[in-house]
PDB file of all heavy atoms in Angstrom:
ATOM      1  N   GLU A   1      17.901  -3.198   2.412  1.00  0.00           N
ATOM      2  CA  GLU A   1      17.827  -1.877   1.841  1.00  0.00           C
ATOM      3  C   GLU A   1      16.483  -1.583   1.140  1.00  0.00           C
ATOM      4  O   GLU A   1      16.017  -0.483   1.134  1.00  0.00           O
ATOM      5  CB  GLU A   1      18.967  -1.617   0.863  1.00  0.00           C
ATOM      6  CG  GLU A   1      20.334  -1.716   1.518  1.00  0.00           C
ATOM      7  CD  GLU A   1      20.519  -0.652   2.640  1.00  0.00           C
ATOM      8  OE1 GLU A   1      20.106   0.479   2.441  1.00  0.00           O
ATOM      9  OE2 GLU A   1      21.152  -1.045   3.622  1.00  0.00           O
ATOM     10  N   GLU A   2      15.919  -2.621   0.567  1.00  0.00           N
ATOM     11  CA  GLU A   2      14.661  -2.466  -0.183  1.00  0.00           C
ATOM     12  C   GLU A   2      13.650  -3.495   0.369  1.00  0.00           C
ATOM     13  O   GLU A   2      13.989  -4.686   0.476  1.00  0.00           O
ATOM     14  CB  GLU A   2      14.801  -2.662  -1.675  1.00  0.00           C
ATOM     15  CG  GLU A   2      13.512  -2.502  -2.413  1.00  0.00           C
ATOM     16  CD  GLU A   2      13.720  -2.708  -3.975  1.00  0.00           C
ATOM     17  OE1 GLU A   2      13.995  -3.860  -4.362  1.00  0.00           O
ATOM     18  OE2 GLU A   2      13.507  -1.723  -4.654  1.00  0.00           O
ATOM     19  N   LEU A   3      12.490  -2.998   0.601  1.00  0.00           N
ATOM     20  CA  LEU A   3      11.351  -3.866   1.084  1.00  0.00           C
ATOM     21  C   LEU A   3      10.308  -3.925  -0.036  1.00  0.00           C
ATOM     22  O   LEU A   3       9.911  -2.895  -0.624  1.00  0.00           O
ATOM     23  CB  LEU A   3      10.751  -3.204   2.299  1.00  0.00           C
ATOM     24  CG  LEU A   3       9.452  -3.789   2.866  1.00  0.00           C
ATOM     25  CD1 LEU A   3       9.638  -5.227   3.309  1.00  0.00           C
ATOM     26  CD2 LEU A   3       8.914  -2.906   4.006  1.00  0.00           C
ATOM     27  N   VAL A   4       9.878  -5.137  -0.373  1.00  0.00           N
ATOM     28  CA  VAL A   4       8.893  -5.284  -1.439  1.00  0.00           C
ATOM     29  C   VAL A   4       7.653  -5.860  -0.749  1.00  0.00           C
ATOM     30  O   VAL A   4       7.735  -6.922  -0.032  1.00  0.00           O
ATOM     31  CB  VAL A   4       9.327  -6.217  -2.530  1.00  0.00           C
ATOM     32  CG1 VAL A   4       8.227  -6.357  -3.640  1.00  0.00           C
ATOM     33  CG2 VAL A   4      10.601  -5.669  -3.133  1.00  0.00           C
ATOM     34  N   LEU A   5       6.516  -5.162  -0.845  1.00  0.00           N
ATOM     35  CA  LEU A   5       5.262  -5.519  -0.272  1.00  0.00           C
ATOM     36  C   LEU A   5       4.140  -5.671  -1.339  1.00  0.00           C
ATOM     37  O   LEU A   5       4.265  -5.005  -2.408  1.00  0.00           O
ATOM     38  CB  LEU A   5       4.782  -4.456   0.761  1.00  0.00           C
ATOM     39  CG  LEU A   5       5.701  -4.214   1.933  1.00  0.00           C
ATOM     40  CD1 LEU A   5       5.270  -2.977   2.683  1.00  0.00           C
ATOM     41  CD2 LEU A   5       5.724  -5.425   2.844  1.00  0.00           C
ATOM     42  N   THR A   6       3.133  -6.342  -1.055  1.00  0.00           N
ATOM     43  CA  THR A   6       1.954  -6.437  -1.886  1.00  0.00           C
ATOM     44  C   THR A   6       0.707  -6.103  -1.034  1.00  0.00           C
ATOM     45  O   THR A   6       0.561  -6.649   0.031  1.00  0.00           O
ATOM     46  CB  THR A   6       1.747  -7.841  -2.457  1.00  0.00           C
ATOM     47  OG1 THR A   6       2.888  -8.111  -3.307  1.00  0.00           O
ATOM     48  CG2 THR A   6       0.545  -7.972  -3.304  1.00  0.00           C
ATOM     49  N   LEU A   7      -0.096  -5.155  -1.533  1.00  0.00           N
ATOM     50  CA  LEU A   7      -1.404  -4.909  -0.946  1.00  0.00           C
ATOM     51  C   LEU A   7      -2.445  -5.742  -1.609  1.00  0.00           C
ATOM     52  O   LEU A   7      -2.442  -5.846  -2.857  1.00  0.00           O
ATOM     53  CB  LEU A   7      -1.750  -3.382  -1.033  1.00  0.00           C
ATOM     54  CG  LEU A   7      -0.795  -2.430  -0.274  1.00  0.00           C
ATOM     55  CD1 LEU A   7      -1.254  -1.000  -0.562  1.00  0.00           C
ATOM     56  CD2 LEU A   7      -0.825  -2.709   1.202  1.00  0.00           C
ATOM     57  N   THR A   8      -3.312  -6.387  -0.873  1.00  0.00           N
ATOM     58  CA  THR A   8      -4.257  -7.246  -1.455  1.00  0.00           C
ATOM     59  C   THR A   8      -5.716  -6.850  -0.978  1.00  0.00           C
ATOM     60  O   THR A   8      -5.902  -5.913  -0.216  1.00  0.00           O
ATOM     61  CB  THR A   8      -3.980  -8.719  -0.945  1.00  0.00           C
ATOM     62  OG1 THR A   8      -4.122  -8.751   0.479  1.00  0.00           O
ATOM     63  CG2 THR A   8      -2.634  -9.189  -1.430  1.00  0.00           C
ATOM     64  N   GLY A   9      -6.636  -7.629  -1.516  1.00  0.00           N
ATOM     65  CA  GLY A   9      -8.070  -7.397  -1.123  1.00  0.00           C
ATOM     66  C   GLY A   9      -8.518  -6.051  -1.563  1.00  0.00           C
ATOM     67  O   GLY A   9      -8.266  -5.621  -2.686  1.00  0.00           O
ATOM     68  N   ALA A  10      -9.175  -5.364  -0.688  1.00  0.00           N
ATOM     69  CA  ALA A  10      -9.756  -4.038  -0.964  1.00  0.00           C
ATOM     70  C   ALA A  10      -8.729  -2.990  -1.413  1.00  0.00           C
ATOM     71  O   ALA A  10      -9.066  -2.032  -2.051  1.00  0.00           O
ATOM     72  CB  ALA A  10     -10.537  -3.493   0.217  1.00  0.00           C
ATOM     73  N   PHE A  11      -7.455  -3.174  -1.104  1.00  0.00           N
ATOM     74  CA  PHE A  11      -6.428  -2.194  -1.385  1.00  0.00           C
ATOM     75  C   PHE A  11      -5.766  -2.549  -2.699  1.00  0.00           C
ATOM     76  O   PHE A  11      -4.897  -1.767  -3.162  1.00  0.00           O
ATOM     77  CB  PHE A  11      -5.381  -2.063  -0.256  1.00  0.00           C
ATOM     78  CG  PHE A  11      -6.004  -1.560   0.979  1.00  0.00           C
ATOM     79  CD1 PHE A  11      -6.235  -2.347   2.060  1.00  0.00           C
ATOM     80  CD2 PHE A  11      -6.404  -0.230   1.050  1.00  0.00           C
ATOM     81  CE1 PHE A  11      -6.835  -1.822   3.198  1.00  0.00           C
ATOM     82  CE2 PHE A  11      -6.984   0.325   2.165  1.00  0.00           C
ATOM     83  CZ  PHE A  11      -7.200  -0.521   3.237  1.00  0.00           C
ATOM     84  N   ARG A  12      -6.068  -3.659  -3.313  1.00  0.00           N
ATOM     85  CA  ARG A  12      -5.412  -3.971  -4.587  1.00  0.00           C
ATOM     86  C   ARG A  12      -6.027  -3.100  -5.684  1.00  0.00           C
ATOM     87  O   ARG A  12      -7.189  -3.243  -6.081  1.00  0.00           O
ATOM     88  CB  ARG A  12      -5.704  -5.473  -4.911  1.00  0.00           C
ATOM     89  CG  ARG A  12      -4.989  -5.940  -6.121  1.00  0.00           C
ATOM     90  CD  ARG A  12      -5.234  -7.474  -6.264  1.00  0.00           C
ATOM     91  NE  ARG A  12      -4.941  -7.829  -7.630  1.00  0.00           N
ATOM     92  CZ  ARG A  12      -5.809  -7.966  -8.582  1.00  0.00           C
ATOM     93  NH1 ARG A  12      -7.063  -7.734  -8.383  1.00  0.00           N
ATOM     94  NH2 ARG A  12      -5.451  -8.285  -9.791  1.00  0.00           N
ATOM     95  N   GLY A  13      -5.200  -2.095  -6.104  1.00  0.00           N
ATOM     96  CA  GLY A  13      -5.680  -1.213  -7.111  1.00  0.00           C
ATOM     97  C   GLY A  13      -6.626  -0.126  -6.696  1.00  0.00           C
ATOM     98  O   GLY A  13      -7.133   0.599  -7.478  1.00  0.00           O
ATOM     99  N   ASP A  14      -6.849  -0.016  -5.433  1.00  0.00           N
ATOM    100  CA  ASP A  14      -7.774   0.967  -4.861  1.00  0.00           C
ATOM    101  C   ASP A  14      -7.211   2.371  -4.931  1.00  0.00           C
ATOM    102  O   ASP A  14      -5.986   2.572  -4.700  1.00  0.00           O
ATOM    103  CB  ASP A  14      -8.073   0.634  -3.383  1.00  0.00           C
ATOM    104  CG  ASP A  14      -9.126   1.570  -2.802  1.00  0.00           C
ATOM    105  OD1 ASP A  14     -10.263   1.252  -2.948  1.00  0.00           O
ATOM    106  OD2 ASP A  14      -8.685   2.545  -2.182  1.00  0.00           O
ATOM    107  N   PRO A  15      -7.950   3.393  -5.259  1.00  0.00           N
ATOM    108  CA  PRO A  15      -7.506   4.762  -5.253  1.00  0.00           C
ATOM    109  C   PRO A  15      -6.902   5.274  -3.962  1.00  0.00           C
ATOM    110  O   PRO A  15      -6.093   6.157  -3.879  1.00  0.00           O
ATOM    111  CB  PRO A  15      -8.652   5.642  -5.677  1.00  0.00           C
ATOM    112  CG  PRO A  15      -9.709   4.696  -6.197  1.00  0.00           C
ATOM    113  CD  PRO A  15      -9.349   3.356  -5.647  1.00  0.00           C
ATOM    114  N   GLY A  16      -7.362   4.646  -2.848  1.00  0.00           N
ATOM    115  CA  GLY A  16      -6.840   4.985  -1.541  1.00  0.00           C
ATOM    116  C   GLY A  16      -5.574   4.333  -1.117  1.00  0.00           C
ATOM    117  O   GLY A  16      -4.983   4.640  -0.085  1.00  0.00           O
ATOM    118  N   ALA A  17      -5.018   3.477  -1.998  1.00  0.00           N
ATOM    119  CA  ALA A  17      -3.808   2.710  -1.660  1.00  0.00           C
ATOM    120  C   ALA A  17      -2.585   3.650  -1.457  1.00  0.00           C
ATOM    121  O   ALA A  17      -1.865   3.406  -0.463  1.00  0.00           O
ATOM    122  CB  ALA A  17      -3.510   1.682  -2.783  1.00  0.00           C
ATOM    123  N   PRO A  18      -2.468   4.717  -2.214  1.00  0.00           N
ATOM    124  CA  PRO A  18      -1.295   5.590  -1.909  1.00  0.00           C
ATOM    125  C   PRO A  18      -1.339   6.181  -0.516  1.00  0.00           C
ATOM    126  O   PRO A  18      -0.304   6.340   0.159  1.00  0.00           O
ATOM    127  CB  PRO A  18      -1.397   6.662  -3.009  1.00  0.00           C
ATOM    128  CG  PRO A  18      -2.036   6.007  -4.144  1.00  0.00           C
ATOM    129  CD  PRO A  18      -3.082   5.061  -3.506  1.00  0.00           C
ATOM    130  N   TYR A  19      -2.539   6.475  -0.034  1.00  0.00           N
ATOM    131  CA  TYR A  19      -2.686   7.027   1.282  1.00  0.00           C
ATOM    132  C   TYR A  19      -2.195   6.017   2.334  1.00  0.00           C
ATOM    133  O   TYR A  19      -1.450   6.283   3.238  1.00  0.00           O
ATOM    134  CB  TYR A  19      -4.150   7.412   1.577  1.00  0.00           C
ATOM    135  CG  TYR A  19      -4.291   7.933   2.996  1.00  0.00           C
ATOM    136  CD1 TYR A  19      -4.060   9.297   3.304  1.00  0.00           C
ATOM    137  CD2 TYR A  19      -4.786   7.068   4.047  1.00  0.00           C
ATOM    138  CE1 TYR A  19      -4.173   9.713   4.587  1.00  0.00           C
ATOM    139  CE2 TYR A  19      -4.854   7.499   5.316  1.00  0.00           C
ATOM    140  CZ  TYR A  19      -4.641   8.844   5.550  1.00  0.00           C
ATOM    141  OH  TYR A  19      -4.768   9.303   6.891  1.00  0.00           O
ATOM    142  N   VAL A  20      -2.645   4.718   2.195  1.00  0.00           N
ATOM    143  CA  VAL A  20      -2.237   3.649   3.034  1.00  0.00           C
ATOM    144  C   VAL A  20      -0.750   3.456   2.962  1.00  0.00           C
ATOM    145  O   VAL A  20      -0.055   3.306   3.980  1.00  0.00           O
ATOM    146  CB  VAL A  20      -2.972   2.352   2.644  1.00  0.00           C
ATOM    147  CG1 VAL A  20      -2.425   1.138   3.411  1.00  0.00           C
ATOM    148  CG2 VAL A  20      -4.504   2.516   2.925  1.00  0.00           C
ATOM    149  N   GLN A  21      -0.131   3.494   1.757  1.00  0.00           N
ATOM    150  CA  GLN A  21       1.300   3.282   1.610  1.00  0.00           C
ATOM    151  C   GLN A  21       2.108   4.342   2.355  1.00  0.00           C
ATOM    152  O   GLN A  21       3.065   4.059   3.025  1.00  0.00           O
ATOM    153  CB  GLN A  21       1.598   3.273   0.127  1.00  0.00           C
ATOM    154  CG  GLN A  21       1.045   2.129  -0.656  1.00  0.00           C
ATOM    155  CD  GLN A  21       1.176   2.295  -2.121  1.00  0.00           C
ATOM    156  OE1 GLN A  21       1.681   3.268  -2.688  1.00  0.00           O
ATOM    157  NE2 GLN A  21       0.727   1.260  -2.842  1.00  0.00           N
ATOM    158  N   HIS A  22       1.727   5.638   2.207  1.00  0.00           N
ATOM    159  CA  HIS A  22       2.522   6.760   2.704  1.00  0.00           C
ATOM    160  C   HIS A  22       2.211   7.114   4.174  1.00  0.00           C
ATOM    161  O   HIS A  22       3.070   7.526   4.904  1.00  0.00           O
ATOM    162  CB  HIS A  22       2.390   7.965   1.839  1.00  0.00           C
ATOM    163  CG  HIS A  22       2.954   7.734   0.443  1.00  0.00           C
ATOM    164  ND1 HIS A  22       4.301   7.578   0.209  1.00  0.00           N
ATOM    165  CD2 HIS A  22       2.373   7.506  -0.722  1.00  0.00           C
ATOM    166  CE1 HIS A  22       4.504   7.347  -1.086  1.00  0.00           C
ATOM    167  NE2 HIS A  22       3.337   7.271  -1.656  1.00  0.00           N
ATOM    168  N   ARG A  23       0.957   6.961   4.617  1.00  0.00           N
ATOM    169  CA  ARG A  23       0.517   7.391   5.936  1.00  0.00           C
ATOM    170  C   ARG A  23       0.439   6.330   6.955  1.00  0.00           C
ATOM    171  O   ARG A  23       0.440   6.564   8.131  1.00  0.00           O
ATOM    172  CB  ARG A  23      -0.862   8.174   5.832  1.00  0.00           C
ATOM    173  CG  ARG A  23      -0.805   9.352   4.977  1.00  0.00           C
ATOM    174  CD  ARG A  23       0.117  10.352   5.667  1.00  0.00           C
ATOM    175  NE  ARG A  23      -0.374  11.692   5.297  1.00  0.00           N
ATOM    176  CZ  ARG A  23       0.244  12.817   5.719  1.00  0.00           C
ATOM    177  NH1 ARG A  23       1.213  12.746   6.507  1.00  0.00           N
ATOM    178  NH2 ARG A  23      -0.224  13.992   5.316  1.00  0.00           N
ATOM    179  N   ILE A  24       0.381   5.066   6.468  1.00  0.00           N
ATOM    180  CA  ILE A  24       0.235   3.991   7.449  1.00  0.00           C
ATOM    181  C   ILE A  24       1.436   3.042   7.349  1.00  0.00           C
ATOM    182  O   ILE A  24       2.081   2.774   8.341  1.00  0.00           O
ATOM    183  CB  ILE A  24      -1.063   3.182   7.258  1.00  0.00           C
ATOM    184  CG1 ILE A  24      -2.234   4.142   7.509  1.00  0.00           C
ATOM    185  CG2 ILE A  24      -1.124   1.961   8.116  1.00  0.00           C
ATOM    186  CD1 ILE A  24      -3.650   3.575   7.135  1.00  0.00           C
ATOM    187  N   VAL A  25       1.699   2.489   6.147  1.00  0.00           N
ATOM    188  CA  VAL A  25       2.791   1.500   5.971  1.00  0.00           C
ATOM    189  C   VAL A  25       4.164   2.125   6.247  1.00  0.00           C
ATOM    190  O   VAL A  25       4.902   1.539   7.038  1.00  0.00           O
ATOM    191  CB  VAL A  25       2.718   0.872   4.631  1.00  0.00           C
ATOM    192  CG1 VAL A  25       3.899  -0.092   4.440  1.00  0.00           C
ATOM    193  CG2 VAL A  25       1.402   0.079   4.463  1.00  0.00           C
ATOM    194  N   ARG A  26       4.494   3.182   5.536  1.00  0.00           N
ATOM    195  CA  ARG A  26       5.839   3.802   5.664  1.00  0.00           C
ATOM    196  C   ARG A  26       6.172   4.184   7.121  1.00  0.00           C
ATOM    197  O   ARG A  26       7.275   3.760   7.575  1.00  0.00           O
ATOM    198  CB  ARG A  26       5.977   5.059   4.754  1.00  0.00           C
ATOM    199  CG  ARG A  26       7.349   5.669   4.844  1.00  0.00           C
ATOM    200  CD  ARG A  26       7.542   6.724   3.809  1.00  0.00           C
ATOM    201  NE  ARG A  26       7.364   6.252   2.478  1.00  0.00           N
ATOM    202  CZ  ARG A  26       8.316   5.492   1.799  1.00  0.00           C
ATOM    203  NH1 ARG A  26       9.426   5.195   2.374  1.00  0.00           N
ATOM    204  NH2 ARG A  26       8.050   5.154   0.529  1.00  0.00           N
TER     205      ARG A  26
END
């Protein structure tokens, strides 16, 4: 029911991370 992921490297704390989360990962 719940997936837990970690973004690392350039996406760790990057302002573009929400874009990656919603437009690519989801």
